């Protein structure tokens, strides 16, 4: 699903990789109890989410 953001919103491929890594880390925490905090990943994830938010706010709502 994350890969579609490149085509639908023009999100950078490197940002997609950050989302994928964060999702994987979430899975490790959920299913294996892994709880290490990666400060760099967190910082990158916040940056990527801001870029995603900006891209979404530029979308034109569908007409009724």
Protein backbone atom coordinates (compact mmCIF):
# COMPACT_ATOMS: atom_id res chain seq x y z
CA UNK A 1 0.00 0.00 0.00
CA UNK A 2 2.77 2.45 0.84
CA UNK A 3 4.27 2.10 -2.64
CA UNK A 4 1.11 3.56 -4.20
CA UNK A 5 1.88 6.91 -2.54
CA UNK A 6 4.59 7.48 -5.15
CA UNK A 7 1.99 7.33 -7.92
CA UNK A 8 -1.04 8.83 -6.17
CA UNK A 9 0.55 11.69 -4.24
CA UNK A 10 4.03 12.01 -5.71
CA UNK A 11 5.69 11.00 -2.44
CA UNK A 12 9.43 10.39 -2.76
CA UNK A 13 10.48 6.73 -2.94
CA UNK A 14 12.87 7.21 -0.05
CA UNK A 15 9.96 8.41 2.11
CA UNK A 16 8.09 5.22 1.21
CA UNK A 17 11.06 3.25 2.49
CA UNK A 18 10.81 5.11 5.81
CA UNK A 19 7.11 4.21 6.08
CA UNK A 20 7.92 0.57 5.30
CA UNK A 21 10.68 0.44 7.91
CA UNK A 22 8.46 2.05 10.53
CA UNK A 23 5.67 -0.41 9.73
CA UNK A 24 8.11 -3.31 10.08
CA UNK A 25 9.32 -1.97 13.44
CA UNK A 26 5.70 -1.67 14.59
CA UNK A 27 5.13 -5.30 13.64
CA UNK A 28 8.22 -6.36 15.58
CA UNK A 29 6.96 -4.49 18.63
CA UNK A 30 3.46 -5.95 18.30
CA UNK A 31 4.33 -9.57 17.57
CA UNK A 32 7.77 -10.04 19.13
CA UNK A 33 7.72 -7.53 21.98
CA UNK A 34 10.64 -5.57 20.57
CA UNK A 35 10.59 -2.07 22.06
CA UNK A 36 13.80 -0.27 21.04
CA UNK A 37 13.29 3.35 19.98
CA UNK A 38 15.25 4.42 16.90
CA UNK A 39 15.53 8.20 17.22
CA UNK A 40 16.64 8.60 13.60
CA UNK A 41 13.72 6.56 12.31
CA UNK A 42 11.33 8.56 14.48
CA UNK A 43 12.71 11.84 13.15
CA UNK A 44 12.52 10.58 9.55
CA UNK A 45 8.97 9.33 10.12
CA UNK A 46 7.84 12.72 11.42
CA UNK A 47 9.41 14.44 8.39
CA UNK A 48 7.78 12.00 5.98
CA UNK A 49 4.39 12.36 7.64
CA UNK A 50 4.60 16.13 7.27
CA UNK A 51 5.36 15.70 3.56
CA UNK A 52 2.43 13.29 3.26
CA UNK A 53 0.13 15.74 5.03
CA UNK A 54 1.21 18.53 2.69
CA UNK A 55 0.55 16.36 -0.37
CA UNK A 56 -2.89 15.34 0.90
CA UNK A 57 -3.93 18.93 1.63
CA UNK A 58 -3.15 19.83 -2.01
CA UNK A 59 -5.67 17.29 -3.31
CA UNK A 60 -8.87 18.52 -4.90
CA UNK A 61 -11.95 17.00 -3.24
CA UNK A 62 -14.10 14.89 -5.54
CA UNK A 63 -17.21 16.50 -6.94
CA UNK A 64 -20.60 15.21 -5.82
